[in-house]
Amino acid sequence: MSVNGFCRIVGKKLPQQFAYKRIVTFSTKPAQQQQAATVSTPSLPNTNPPAARKAIVPEHYRFVYPEFLPDPKVEWRNTIREKLERLDMLNRRGQVDLPEFYVGSILAVTSSDPHAAGKTGRFVGICIHRERCGLRARFILRNVIDHQGMEVLYELYDPTIQKVEVLRLEKRLDDSLFYLRDALPEFSSFDENMEAEHLEEGAPVPVNDIKVVLRPRPWLERWERQNLLGVANIEQYIKDKHRKSAAKVQKPWEKYDLMKQYRATIPEEEQKEIFAEVHTELHTLELQRKRNKRKRSFINPKQLA
């Protein structure tokens, strides 16, 4: 064999022995393989657990239970203390029935009194004010007894309170009824033996649009400066100098101050979180209250001879 022939044979075999073999690690037809995979593999059942249902909090809770909302002032906020207070409030509500009431409702509160004959005292009156939040929530009842105006301040979660009865559930035109102190006595007089007026279940809370009549000046406060809706005869006792002084202190621009409204209220998102936390317990207490109400309204039939 000649040298040229040997070189041709070796030149043909060397590229075949040392040639780089290309390894393809992916498919060149992705569409066909995906279609085949979808056809060949059966659909597996969804093994993920269903999402937990969120509690539906009624919108009227912020009016029925305003004390569960914390104070809007930032310097007084403490989330841990607020949660602990809500737990204590729920425990207290489980021991004593604290019904729904508003400013203008007529209540009868029975509390322990070491100086009374039976160690308990009962006071009937109209709620003229309701303030504060948490365990410090309180309200004021007013009644005229023996021609003398009497007011009692109660802490809503006071352990000495034994019973709270709503004799008449209603609202008034104003958020505070302090002007009853300067009104005629008949607007604050209620019988101590007044019977409860039951409201139909599911019915809206009525609004009493009565307008009280004030006595002549002097008054405890300058009522002409407060834009009251429940007073009938303020214009009868004020003069031009009173109107001018009232106009000087008026701040009509405050109703457009959004930041002031924001700082004076709790955001709606936070309200929903708070009431979602206590909704289950409050709903259970409401159902128990309805059962007790039905038991009290049921009268055993008389046995016929």
C-alpha atoms as a PDB file:
ATOM      1  CA  MET A   1       0.000   0.000   0.000  1.00  0.00           C
ATOM      2  CA  SER A   2       1.318   3.327  -0.954  1.00  0.00           C
ATOM      3  CA  VAL A   3       1.753   6.192   1.464  1.00  0.00           C
ATOM      4  CA  ASN A   4      -0.957   8.220  -0.213  1.00  0.00           C
ATOM      5  CA  GLY A   5      -3.487   5.411   0.139  1.00  0.00           C
ATOM      6  CA  PHE A   6      -2.671   4.927   3.829  1.00  0.00           C
ATOM      7  CA  CYS A   7      -3.159   8.650   4.506  1.00  0.00           C
ATOM      8  CA  ARG A   8      -6.591   8.610   2.798  1.00  0.00           C
ATOM      9  CA  ILE A   9      -7.805   5.674   4.964  1.00  0.00           C
ATOM     10  CA  VAL A  10      -6.522   7.196   8.234  1.00  0.00           C
ATOM     11  CA  GLY A  11      -7.968  10.603   7.286  1.00  0.00           C
ATOM     12  CA  LYS A  12     -11.427   9.062   6.846  1.00  0.00           C
ATOM     13  CA  LYS A  13     -11.384   7.053  10.128  1.00  0.00           C
ATOM     14  CA  LEU A  14      -9.981   9.751  12.504  1.00  0.00           C
ATOM     15  CA  PRO A  15     -12.919  12.220  12.146  1.00  0.00           C
ATOM     16  CA  GLN A  16     -15.361   9.373  12.782  1.00  0.00           C
ATOM     17  CA  GLN A  17     -13.564   8.243  16.009  1.00  0.00           C
ATOM     18  CA  PHE A  18     -12.957  11.696  17.539  1.00  0.00           C
ATOM     19  CA  ALA A  19     -16.061  13.460  16.306  1.00  0.00           C
ATOM     20  CA  TYR A  20     -18.096  15.351  19.012  1.00  0.00           C
ATOM     21  CA  LYS A  21     -21.403  13.693  19.571  1.00  0.00           C
ATOM     22  CA  ARG A  22     -24.237  16.257  20.239  1.00  0.00           C
ATOM     23  CA  ILE A  23     -26.606  15.161  22.995  1.00  0.00           C
ATOM     24  CA  VAL A  24     -30.040  16.809  22.889  1.00  0.00           C
ATOM     25  CA  THR A  25     -31.553  17.080  26.365  1.00  0.00           C
ATOM     26  CA  PHE A  26     -34.800  18.730  25.312  1.00  0.00           C
ATOM     27  CA  SER A  27     -37.510  18.019  22.850  1.00  0.00           C
ATOM     28  CA  THR A  28     -37.566  19.792  19.574  1.00  0.00           C
ATOM     29  CA  LYS A  29     -41.391  19.389  19.394  1.00  0.00           C
ATOM     30  CA  PRO A  30     -42.779  20.883  22.602  1.00  0.00           C
ATOM     31  CA  ALA A  31     -46.286  21.391  21.330  1.00  0.00           C
ATOM     32  CA  GLN A  32     -46.798  17.753  20.400  1.00  0.00           C
ATOM     33  CA  GLN A  33     -45.341  16.461  23.687  1.00  0.00           C
ATOM     34  CA  GLN A  34     -47.554  18.803  25.781  1.00  0.00           C
ATOM     35  CA  GLN A  35     -50.636  17.672  23.921  1.00  0.00           C
ATOM     36  CA  ALA A  36     -49.681  14.024  24.426  1.00  0.00           C
ATOM     37  CA  ALA A  37     -49.075  14.595  28.136  1.00  0.00           C
ATOM     38  CA  THR A  38     -52.470  16.209  28.595  1.00  0.00           C
ATOM     39  CA  VAL A  39     -54.167  13.347  26.814  1.00  0.00           C
ATOM     40  CA  SER A  40     -52.282  10.526  28.507  1.00  0.00           C
ATOM     41  CA  THR A  41     -52.271  11.788  32.149  1.00  0.00           C
ATOM     42  CA  PRO A  42     -55.694  11.731  33.835  1.00  0.00           C
ATOM     43  CA  SER A  43     -56.868  14.809  35.790  1.00  0.00           C
ATOM     44  CA  LEU A  44     -56.012  14.464  39.472  1.00  0.00           C
ATOM     45  CA  PRO A  45     -58.505  15.606  42.129  1.00  0.00           C
ATOM     46  CA  ASN A  46     -57.801  18.891  43.929  1.00  0.00           C
ATOM     47  CA  THR A  47     -56.061  17.949  47.166  1.00  0.00           C
ATOM     48  CA  ASN A  48     -55.774  21.538  48.505  1.00  0.00           C
ATOM     49  CA  PRO A  49     -58.045  22.149  51.522  1.00  0.00           C
ATOM     50  CA  PRO A  50     -60.820  24.688  50.992  1.00  0.00           C
ATOM     51  CA  ALA A  51     -60.210  28.176  52.279  1.00  0.00           C
ATOM     52  CA  ALA A  52     -61.696  28.937  55.671  1.00  0.00           C
ATOM     53  CA  ARG A  53     -64.861  31.033  55.563  1.00  0.00           C
ATOM     54  CA  LYS A  54     -64.580  34.469  57.079  1.00  0.00           C
ATOM     55  CA  ALA A  55     -67.120  35.535  59.663  1.00  0.00           C
ATOM     56  CA  ILE A  56     -69.705  37.927  58.256  1.00  0.00           C
ATOM     57  CA  VAL A  57     -69.868  40.794  60.731  1.00  0.00           C
ATOM     58  CA  PRO A  58     -73.125  42.779  60.671  1.00  0.00           C
ATOM     59  CA  GLU A  59     -72.690  46.453  59.894  1.00  0.00           C
ATOM     60  CA  HIS A  60     -74.760  47.573  62.896  1.00  0.00           C
ATOM     61  CA  TYR A  61     -72.242  46.147  65.373  1.00  0.00           C
ATOM     62  CA  ARG A  62     -70.331  49.425  65.531  1.00  0.00           C
ATOM     63  CA  PHE A  63     -73.507  51.144  66.794  1.00  0.00           C
ATOM     64  CA  VAL A  64     -74.659  48.346  69.133  1.00  0.00           C
ATOM     65  CA  TYR A  65     -71.210  47.695  70.658  1.00  0.00           C
ATOM     66  CA  PRO A  66     -69.305  50.993  70.331  1.00  0.00           C
ATOM     67  CA  GLU A  67     -67.176  50.266  73.411  1.00  0.00           C
ATOM     68  CA  PHE A  68     -65.347  47.469  71.548  1.00  0.00           C
ATOM     69  CA  LEU A  69     -63.734  50.061  69.279  1.00  0.00           C
ATOM     70  CA  PRO A  70     -60.544  51.539  70.795  1.00  0.00           C
ATOM     71  CA  ASP A  71     -59.856  55.198  71.361  1.00  0.00           C
ATOM     72  CA  PRO A  72     -58.817  56.812  68.057  1.00  0.00           C
ATOM     73  CA  LYS A  73     -56.040  58.850  69.669  1.00  0.00           C
ATOM     74  CA  VAL A  74     -52.711  57.355  68.616  1.00  0.00           C
ATOM     75  CA  GLU A  75     -50.910  58.191  71.866  1.00  0.00           C
ATOM     76  CA  TRP A  76     -53.415  56.085  73.828  1.00  0.00           C
ATOM     77  CA  ARG A  77     -53.340  53.005  71.610  1.00  0.00           C
ATOM     78  CA  ASN A  78     -51.961  49.687  72.848  1.00  0.00           C
ATOM     79  CA  THR A  79     -52.950  46.608  70.850  1.00  0.00           C
ATOM     80  CA  ILE A  80     -52.096  44.079  73.589  1.00  0.00           C
ATOM     81  CA  ARG A  81     -54.098  45.941  76.224  1.00  0.00           C
ATOM     82  CA  GLU A  82     -57.026  46.339  73.820  1.00  0.00           C
ATOM     83  CA  LYS A  83     -57.160  42.589  73.100  1.00  0.00           C
ATOM     84  CA  LEU A  84     -56.999  41.722  76.796  1.00  0.00           C
ATOM     85  CA  GLU A  85     -59.779  44.213  77.518  1.00  0.00           C
ATOM     86  CA  ARG A  86     -61.970  42.692  74.813  1.00  0.00           C
ATOM     87  CA  LEU A  87     -61.535  39.267  76.402  1.00  0.00           C
ATOM     88  CA  ASP A  88     -62.528  40.660  79.802  1.00  0.00           C
ATOM     89  CA  MET A  89     -65.539  42.404  78.252  1.00  0.00           C
ATOM     90  CA  LEU A  90     -66.728  39.168  76.666  1.00  0.00           C
ATOM     91  CA  ASN A  91     -66.321  37.317  79.961  1.00  0.00           C
ATOM     92  CA  ARG A  92     -68.331  39.987  81.745  1.00  0.00           C
ATOM     93  CA  ARG A  93     -71.072  39.842  79.120  1.00  0.00           C
ATOM     94  CA  GLY A  94     -71.252  36.099  79.669  1.00  0.00           C
ATOM     95  CA  GLN A  95     -72.107  36.711  83.336  1.00  0.00           C
ATOM     96  CA  VAL A  96     -74.457  39.713  83.032  1.00  0.00           C
ATOM     97  CA  ASP A  97     -76.777  40.445  80.123  1.00  0.00           C
ATOM     98  CA  LEU A  98     -75.859  43.884  78.716  1.00  0.00           C
ATOM     99  CA  PRO A  99     -78.540  44.584  76.106  1.00  0.00           C
ATOM    100  CA  GLU A 100     -78.543  46.993  73.205  1.00  0.00           C
ATOM    101  CA  PHE A 101     -79.354  50.605  74.089  1.00  0.00           C
ATOM    102  CA  TYR A 102     -78.708  54.104  72.802  1.00  0.00           C
ATOM    103  CA  VAL A 103     -78.796  57.683  74.013  1.00  0.00           C
ATOM    104  CA  GLY A 104     -82.495  58.315  74.561  1.00  0.00           C
ATOM    105  CA  SER A 105     -83.378  54.773  75.666  1.00  0.00           C
ATOM    106  CA  ILE A 106     -85.049  54.266  79.045  1.00  0.00           C
ATOM    107  CA  LEU A 107     -83.153  51.812  81.244  1.00  0.00           C
ATOM    108  CA  ALA A 108     -83.489  50.219  84.661  1.00  0.00           C
ATOM    109  CA  VAL A 109     -80.170  49.297  86.294  1.00  0.00           C
ATOM    110  CA  THR A 110     -79.964  47.057  89.357  1.00  0.00           C
ATOM    111  CA  SER A 111     -76.675  47.245  91.235  1.00  0.00           C
ATOM    112  CA  SER A 112     -75.384  46.153  94.613  1.00  0.00           C
ATOM    113  CA  ASP A 113     -75.627  48.816  97.320  1.00  0.00           C
ATOM    114  CA  PRO A 114     -74.273  48.007 100.802  1.00  0.00           C
ATOM    115  CA  HIS A 115     -76.351  50.820 102.325  1.00  0.00           C
ATOM    116  CA  ALA A 116     -79.700  49.697 100.877  1.00  0.00           C
ATOM    117  CA  ALA A 117     -82.191  47.534 102.747  1.00  0.00           C
ATOM    118  CA  GLY A 118     -81.857  44.543 100.427  1.00  0.00           C
ATOM    119  CA  LYS A 119     -78.226  45.306  99.568  1.00  0.00           C
ATOM    120  CA  THR A 120     -79.362  46.176  96.037  1.00  0.00           C
ATOM    121  CA  GLY A 121     -80.631  49.356  94.410  1.00  0.00           C
ATOM    122  CA  ARG A 122     -82.644  49.885  91.238  1.00  0.00           C
ATOM    123  CA  PHE A 123     -82.672  53.142  89.290  1.00  0.00           C
ATOM    124  CA  VAL A 124     -84.881  53.964  86.294  1.00  0.00           C
ATOM    125  CA  GLY A 125     -83.983  56.784  83.956  1.00  0.00           C
ATOM    126  CA  ILE A 126     -83.284  57.967  80.441  1.00  0.00           C
ATOM    127  CA  CYS A 127     -79.784  57.590  79.035  1.00  0.00           C
ATOM    128  CA  ILE A 128     -78.543  61.136  78.393  1.00  0.00           C
ATOM    129  CA  HIS A 129     -74.911  60.387  77.599  1.00  0.00           C
ATOM    130  CA  ARG A 130     -72.633  57.518  76.626  1.00  0.00           C
ATOM    131  CA  GLU A 131     -68.867  57.817  76.366  1.00  0.00           C
ATOM    132  CA  ARG A 132     -65.432  56.168  76.526  1.00  0.00           C
ATOM    133  CA  CYS A 133     -64.365  52.751  75.265  1.00  0.00           C
ATOM    134  CA  GLY A 134     -63.171  49.388  76.522  1.00  0.00           C
ATOM    135  CA  LEU A 135     -63.579  48.557  80.182  1.00  0.00           C
ATOM    136  CA  ARG A 136     -63.926  52.287  80.944  1.00  0.00           C
ATOM    137  CA  ALA A 137     -67.173  52.654  78.973  1.00  0.00           C
ATOM    138  CA  ARG A 138     -69.888  54.405  80.961  1.00  0.00           C
ATOM    139  CA  PHE A 139     -73.312  56.012  80.637  1.00  0.00           C
ATOM    140  CA  ILE A 140     -75.507  58.443  82.592  1.00  0.00           C
ATOM    141  CA  LEU A 141     -79.160  57.939  83.547  1.00  0.00           C
ATOM    142  CA  ARG A 142     -81.438  60.833  84.501  1.00  0.00           C
ATOM    143  CA  ASN A 143     -84.827  60.898  86.224  1.00  0.00           C
ATOM    144  CA  VAL A 144     -86.871  63.430  88.185  1.00  0.00           C
ATOM    145  CA  ILE A 145     -87.910  62.020  91.567  1.00  0.00           C
ATOM    146  CA  ASP A 146     -89.915  64.119  94.043  1.00  0.00           C
ATOM    147  CA  HIS A 147     -89.382  67.238  91.895  1.00  0.00           C
ATOM    148  CA  GLN A 148     -85.640  66.768  92.114  1.00  0.00           C
ATOM    149  CA  GLY A 149     -83.450  65.882  89.158  1.00  0.00           C
ATOM    150  CA  MET A 150     -81.358  62.775  89.829  1.00  0.00           C
ATOM    151  CA  GLU A 151     -78.482  61.483  87.699  1.00  0.00           C
ATOM    152  CA  VAL A 152     -76.470  58.309  88.186  1.00  0.00           C
ATOM    153  CA  LEU A 153     -73.219  57.536  86.395  1.00  0.00           C
ATOM    154  CA  TYR A 154     -72.694  53.810  85.722  1.00  0.00           C
ATOM    155  CA  GLU A 155     -69.636  51.997  84.481  1.00  0.00           C
ATOM    156  CA  LEU A 156     -70.915  49.575  81.853  1.00  0.00           C
ATOM    157  CA  TYR A 157     -68.596  46.742  82.957  1.00  0.00           C
ATOM    158  CA  ASP A 158     -68.743  47.506  86.662  1.00  0.00           C
ATOM    159  CA  PRO A 159     -68.840  44.194  88.607  1.00  0.00           C
ATOM    160  CA  THR A 160     -71.425  45.677  91.008  1.00  0.00           C
ATOM    161  CA  ILE A 161     -74.032  45.847  88.224  1.00  0.00           C
ATOM    162  CA  GLN A 162     -76.375  42.897  88.540  1.00  0.00           C
ATOM    163  CA  LYS A 163     -78.967  43.588  85.855  1.00  0.00           C
ATOM    164  CA  VAL A 164     -79.607  46.028  83.014  1.00  0.00           C
ATOM    165  CA  GLU A 165     -83.127  46.228  81.583  1.00  0.00           C
ATOM    166  CA  VAL A 166     -84.206  48.191  78.536  1.00  0.00           C
ATOM    167  CA  LEU A 167     -87.705  49.479  79.237  1.00  0.00           C
ATOM    168  CA  ARG A 168     -87.984  51.440  75.984  1.00  0.00           C
ATOM    169  CA  LEU A 169     -85.512  51.072  73.137  1.00  0.00           C
ATOM    170  CA  GLU A 170     -85.321  54.235  71.041  1.00  0.00           C
ATOM    171  CA  LYS A 171     -83.004  56.954  69.784  1.00  0.00           C
ATOM    172  CA  ARG A 172     -83.145  60.734  69.894  1.00  0.00           C
ATOM    173  CA  LEU A 173     -82.228  63.438  67.408  1.00  0.00           C
ATOM    174  CA  ASP A 174     -79.033  64.408  69.268  1.00  0.00           C
ATOM    175  CA  ASP A 175     -76.029  62.373  70.391  1.00  0.00           C
ATOM    176  CA  SER A 176     -76.134  63.846  73.896  1.00  0.00           C
ATOM    177  CA  LEU A 177     -79.106  64.944  75.994  1.00  0.00           C
ATOM    178  CA  PHE A 178     -77.439  67.135  78.596  1.00  0.00           C
ATOM    179  CA  TYR A 179     -79.939  69.880  77.763  1.00  0.00           C
ATOM    180  CA  LEU A 180     -82.566  67.895  79.690  1.00  0.00           C
ATOM    181  CA  ARG A 181     -80.997  69.452  82.803  1.00  0.00           C
ATOM    182  CA  ASP A 182     -82.397  72.814  81.694  1.00  0.00           C
ATOM    183  CA  ALA A 183     -85.647  71.406  80.275  1.00  0.00           C
ATOM    184  CA  LEU A 184     -89.013  71.151  81.963  1.00  0.00           C
ATOM    185  CA  PRO A 185     -89.265  68.267  84.480  1.00  0.00           C
ATOM    186  CA  GLU A 186     -91.892  66.320  82.497  1.00  0.00           C
ATOM    187  CA  PHE A 187     -89.318  65.526  79.790  1.00  0.00           C
ATOM    188  CA  SER A 188     -87.156  63.658  82.334  1.00  0.00           C
ATOM    189  CA  SER A 189     -89.822  62.078  84.567  1.00  0.00           C
ATOM    190  CA  PHE A 190     -90.351  58.328  84.390  1.00  0.00           C
ATOM    191  CA  ASP A 191     -92.245  55.951  86.641  1.00  0.00           C
ATOM    192  CA  GLU A 192     -90.064  53.676  88.756  1.00  0.00           C
ATOM    193  CA  ASN A 193     -92.522  50.820  88.148  1.00  0.00           C
ATOM    194  CA  MET A 194     -92.551  51.307  84.382  1.00  0.00           C
ATOM    195  CA  GLU A 195     -93.041  48.070  82.440  1.00  0.00           C
ATOM    196  CA  ALA A 196     -90.827  47.116  79.528  1.00  0.00           C
ATOM    197  CA  GLU A 197     -92.050  47.852  76.000  1.00  0.00           C
ATOM    198  CA  HIS A 198     -90.995  44.979  73.761  1.00  0.00           C
ATOM    199  CA  LEU A 199     -89.901  45.719  70.210  1.00  0.00           C
ATOM    200  CA  GLU A 200     -90.620  43.200  67.473  1.00  0.00           C
ATOM    201  CA  GLU A 201     -87.653  41.066  66.499  1.00  0.00           C
ATOM    202  CA  GLY A 202     -85.895  42.438  63.429  1.00  0.00           C
ATOM    203  CA  ALA A 203     -87.688  45.800  63.573  1.00  0.00           C
ATOM    204  CA  PRO A 204     -85.533  48.947  63.231  1.00  0.00           C
ATOM    205  CA  VAL A 205     -84.864  51.012  66.321  1.00  0.00           C
ATOM    206  CA  PRO A 206     -87.369  53.892  66.352  1.00  0.00           C
ATOM    207  CA  VAL A 207     -86.186  57.490  66.485  1.00  0.00           C
ATOM    208  CA  ASN A 208     -88.131  59.706  68.876  1.00  0.00           C
ATOM    209  CA  ASP A 209     -88.325  63.149  67.232  1.00  0.00           C
ATOM    210  CA  ILE A 210     -89.756  64.886  70.295  1.00  0.00           C
ATOM    211  CA  LYS A 211     -88.462  68.420  70.916  1.00  0.00           C
ATOM    212  CA  VAL A 212     -88.120  69.452  74.543  1.00  0.00           C
ATOM    213  CA  VAL A 213     -88.961  72.856  75.968  1.00  0.00           C
ATOM    214  CA  LEU A 214     -86.244  74.654  77.900  1.00  0.00           C
ATOM    215  CA  ARG A 215     -86.766  76.787  80.953  1.00  0.00           C
ATOM    216  CA  PRO A 216     -85.757  80.471  80.864  1.00  0.00           C
ATOM    217  CA  ARG A 217     -82.107  81.438  81.205  1.00  0.00           C
ATOM    218  CA  PRO A 218     -79.647  81.090  82.888  1.00  0.00           C
ATOM    219  CA  TRP A 219     -78.681  77.704  81.477  1.00  0.00           C
ATOM    220  CA  LEU A 220     -75.898  75.323  82.427  1.00  0.00           C
ATOM    221  CA  GLU A 221     -74.408  75.601  78.941  1.00  0.00           C
ATOM    222  CA  ARG A 222     -74.758  77.836  75.921  1.00  0.00           C
ATOM    223  CA  TRP A 223     -77.105  75.604  73.999  1.00  0.00           C
ATOM    224  CA  GLU A 224     -77.476  78.112  71.140  1.00  0.00           C
ATOM    225  CA  ARG A 225     -73.911  77.279  70.053  1.00  0.00           C
ATOM    226  CA  GLN A 226     -74.388  73.513  69.708  1.00  0.00           C
ATOM    227  CA  ASN A 227     -76.817  73.221  66.751  1.00  0.00           C
ATOM    228  CA  LEU A 228     -79.275  71.051  68.686  1.00  0.00           C
ATOM    229  CA  LEU A 229     -82.152  69.345  66.873  1.00  0.00           C
ATOM    230  CA  GLY A 230     -84.138  68.189  69.902  1.00  0.00           C
ATOM    231  CA  VAL A 231     -84.860  71.608  71.426  1.00  0.00           C
ATOM    232  CA  ALA A 232     -87.899  73.644  70.430  1.00  0.00           C
ATOM    233  CA  ASN A 233     -87.578  77.117  71.982  1.00  0.00           C
ATOM    234  CA  ILE A 234     -83.933  78.198  71.977  1.00  0.00           C
ATOM    235  CA  GLU A 235     -84.726  81.264  69.848  1.00  0.00           C
ATOM    236  CA  GLN A 236     -87.235  82.414  72.439  1.00  0.00           C
ATOM    237  CA  TYR A 237     -84.573  83.139  75.084  1.00  0.00           C
ATOM    238  CA  ILE A 238     -81.585  84.411  73.094  1.00  0.00           C
ATOM    239  CA  LYS A 239     -80.898  87.967  71.983  1.00  0.00           C
ATOM    240  CA  ASP A 240     -78.861  89.559  69.215  1.00  0.00           C
ATOM    241  CA  LYS A 241     -75.710  89.607  71.323  1.00  0.00           C
ATOM    242  CA  HIS A 242     -76.060  85.847  71.886  1.00  0.00           C
ATOM    243  CA  ARG A 243     -76.449  85.262  68.158  1.00  0.00           C
ATOM    244  CA  LYS A 244     -73.378  87.366  67.359  1.00  0.00           C
ATOM    245  CA  SER A 245     -71.236  85.582  69.935  1.00  0.00           C
ATOM    246  CA  ALA A 246     -72.447  82.209  68.643  1.00  0.00           C
ATOM    247  CA  ALA A 247     -71.570  83.205  65.068  1.00  0.00           C
ATOM    248  CA  LYS A 248     -68.018  84.112  66.135  1.00  0.00           C
ATOM    249  CA  VAL A 249     -67.254  80.655  67.528  1.00  0.00           C
ATOM    250  CA  GLN A 250     -68.840  78.713  64.669  1.00  0.00           C
ATOM    251  CA  LYS A 251     -66.455  76.610  62.549  1.00  0.00           C
ATOM    252  CA  PRO A 252     -68.378  75.642  59.403  1.00  0.00           C
ATOM    253  CA  TRP A 253     -65.206  74.512  57.630  1.00  0.00           C
ATOM    254  CA  GLU A 254     -64.663  71.606  60.003  1.00  0.00           C
ATOM    255  CA  LYS A 255     -67.179  69.430  58.147  1.00  0.00           C
ATOM    256  CA  TYR A 256     -64.769  69.526  55.169  1.00  0.00           C
ATOM    257  CA  ASP A 257     -61.696  68.684  57.275  1.00  0.00           C
ATOM    258  CA  LEU A 258     -61.076  65.073  56.265  1.00  0.00           C
ATOM    259  CA  MET A 259     -57.973  64.687  58.421  1.00  0.00           C
ATOM    260  CA  LYS A 260     -59.873  65.721  61.538  1.00  0.00           C
ATOM    261  CA  GLN A 261     -62.559  63.147  60.750  1.00  0.00           C
ATOM    262  CA  TYR A 262     -59.871  60.523  60.148  1.00  0.00           C
ATOM    263  CA  ARG A 263     -58.145  61.238  63.480  1.00  0.00           C
ATOM    264  CA  ALA A 264     -61.463  61.108  65.342  1.00  0.00           C
ATOM    265  CA  THR A 265     -62.559  57.705  64.006  1.00  0.00           C
ATOM    266  CA  ILE A 266     -61.270  54.162  63.609  1.00  0.00           C
ATOM    267  CA  PRO A 267     -60.659  53.015  59.994  1.00  0.00           C
ATOM    268  CA  GLU A 268     -63.300  50.689  58.604  1.00  0.00           C
ATOM    269  CA  GLU A 269     -60.760  47.935  57.901  1.00  0.00           C
ATOM    270  CA  GLU A 270     -59.647  47.918  61.532  1.00  0.00           C
ATOM    271  CA  GLN A 271     -63.261  47.912  62.710  1.00  0.00           C
ATOM    272  CA  LYS A 272     -63.936  44.780  60.680  1.00  0.00           C
ATOM    273  CA  GLU A 273     -60.881  43.043  62.157  1.00  0.00           C
ATOM    274  CA  ILE A 274     -61.942  43.885  65.708  1.00  0.00           C
ATOM    275  CA  PHE A 275     -65.544  42.756  65.314  1.00  0.00           C
ATOM    276  CA  ALA A 276     -64.505  39.625  63.415  1.00  0.00           C
ATOM    277  CA  GLU A 277     -62.469  38.707  66.491  1.00  0.00           C
ATOM    278  CA  VAL A 278     -65.463  38.946  68.862  1.00  0.00           C
ATOM    279  CA  HIS A 279     -68.302  38.158  66.454  1.00  0.00           C
ATOM    280  CA  THR A 280     -68.700  34.497  67.432  1.00  0.00           C
ATOM    281  CA  GLU A 281     -69.051  35.202  71.148  1.00  0.00           C
ATOM    282  CA  LEU A 282     -71.376  38.163  70.648  1.00  0.00           C
ATOM    283  CA  HIS A 283     -73.586  36.191  68.265  1.00  0.00           C
ATOM    284  CA  THR A 284     -73.830  33.347  70.798  1.00  0.00           C
ATOM    285  CA  LEU A 285     -74.861  35.813  73.515  1.00  0.00           C
ATOM    286  CA  GLU A 286     -77.506  37.311  71.217  1.00  0.00           C
ATOM    287  CA  LEU A 287     -79.023  33.903  70.540  1.00  0.00           C
ATOM    288  CA  GLN A 288     -79.094  33.143  74.269  1.00  0.00           C
ATOM    289  CA  ARG A 289     -80.797  36.491  74.920  1.00  0.00           C
ATOM    290  CA  LYS A 290     -83.481  35.695  72.345  1.00  0.00           C
ATOM    291  CA  ARG A 291     -84.130  32.282  73.934  1.00  0.00           C
ATOM    292  CA  ASN A 292     -84.525  33.852  77.355  1.00  0.00           C
ATOM    293  CA  LYS A 293     -86.872  36.463  75.925  1.00  0.00           C
ATOM    294  CA  ARG A 294     -89.103  33.765  74.438  1.00  0.00           C
ATOM    295  CA  LYS A 295     -89.166  31.904  77.758  1.00  0.00           C
ATOM    296  CA  ARG A 296     -90.257  35.036  79.616  1.00  0.00           C
ATOM    297  CA  SER A 297     -93.003  35.801  77.085  1.00  0.00           C
ATOM    298  CA  PHE A 298     -94.418  32.253  77.263  1.00  0.00           C
ATOM    299  CA  ILE A 299     -97.322  31.794  79.688  1.00  0.00           C
ATOM    300  CA  ASN A 300     -98.282  28.341  80.883  1.00  0.00           C
ATOM    301  CA  PRO A 301    -101.941  27.579  80.062  1.00  0.00           C
ATOM    302  CA  LYS A 302    -104.301  27.143  82.948  1.00  0.00           C
ATOM    303  CA  GLN A 303    -105.468  23.639  83.667  1.00  0.00           C
ATOM    304  CA  LEU A 304    -109.188  23.306  83.031  1.00  0.00           C
ATOM    305  CA  ALA A 305    -111.333  21.368  85.470  1.00  0.00           C
END
